[in-house]
Amino acid sequence: MSQTSESGRTLPPYIGELRRAVEEAAPKLLRMSDAKAKRRPRPEKWSPAEIIGHLIDSASNNHQRFVRAQFQDDLVFPGYDQDAWVVVQAYGDASWVDLVTLWKNFNFHIARVMEKTPDSVRNSARVKHNLDKLAWRPVPADQPATLDYFMSDYVGHLKHHLGQIDYAAS
């Protein structure tokens, strides 16, 4: 379903998908017990708190990328070691309510940034990019990429990780 901005501009569907995913997941996440949020399903897998922490890190990095892309001709950005970031920030020890609240509000802000990005910027083909390394669904280095694709990819990544969380109350 298409959305329109305050100015009447048709918006990409992924912006509404992002808002809906956050609106639907946040109450379910907040119903999860603190103990369950911090429990890893297997020793090598992230707990729900660590998944939400990773999504906060993704929001933080991609927010900057989405803003910076509006001032540069390429889509080349620094990466980060997602596992190390989760460990260093000790998301498994953080307040569950605080994590979910930060994640929710940060993503509503990102949806606003996406909405305010001019179509010409979002849809401009960028020959130089490193989305072959950064995107959840990589773009080959020898093919042009758009910020629109990268924003949509961000939403897909978020929804993928939300799907990994078992929302059953405990």
Foldseek 3Di string as FASTA:
>chain_A
DWDADPVRHTADVLLVLLLVVLVVLLVLLVLADLVQQLDAPDPVGGGVLLLLVLLLVLLVQVLVQLVVLLVDQASADDDDDSVVSSVVVVSSPDDSNVSSVSSSVSSNVSSVSRNPDDPCSQPDWRLQHVQLPVFPPRDPNRGTDGNVVRSSSSSVVSVVSSVVHDSDYD
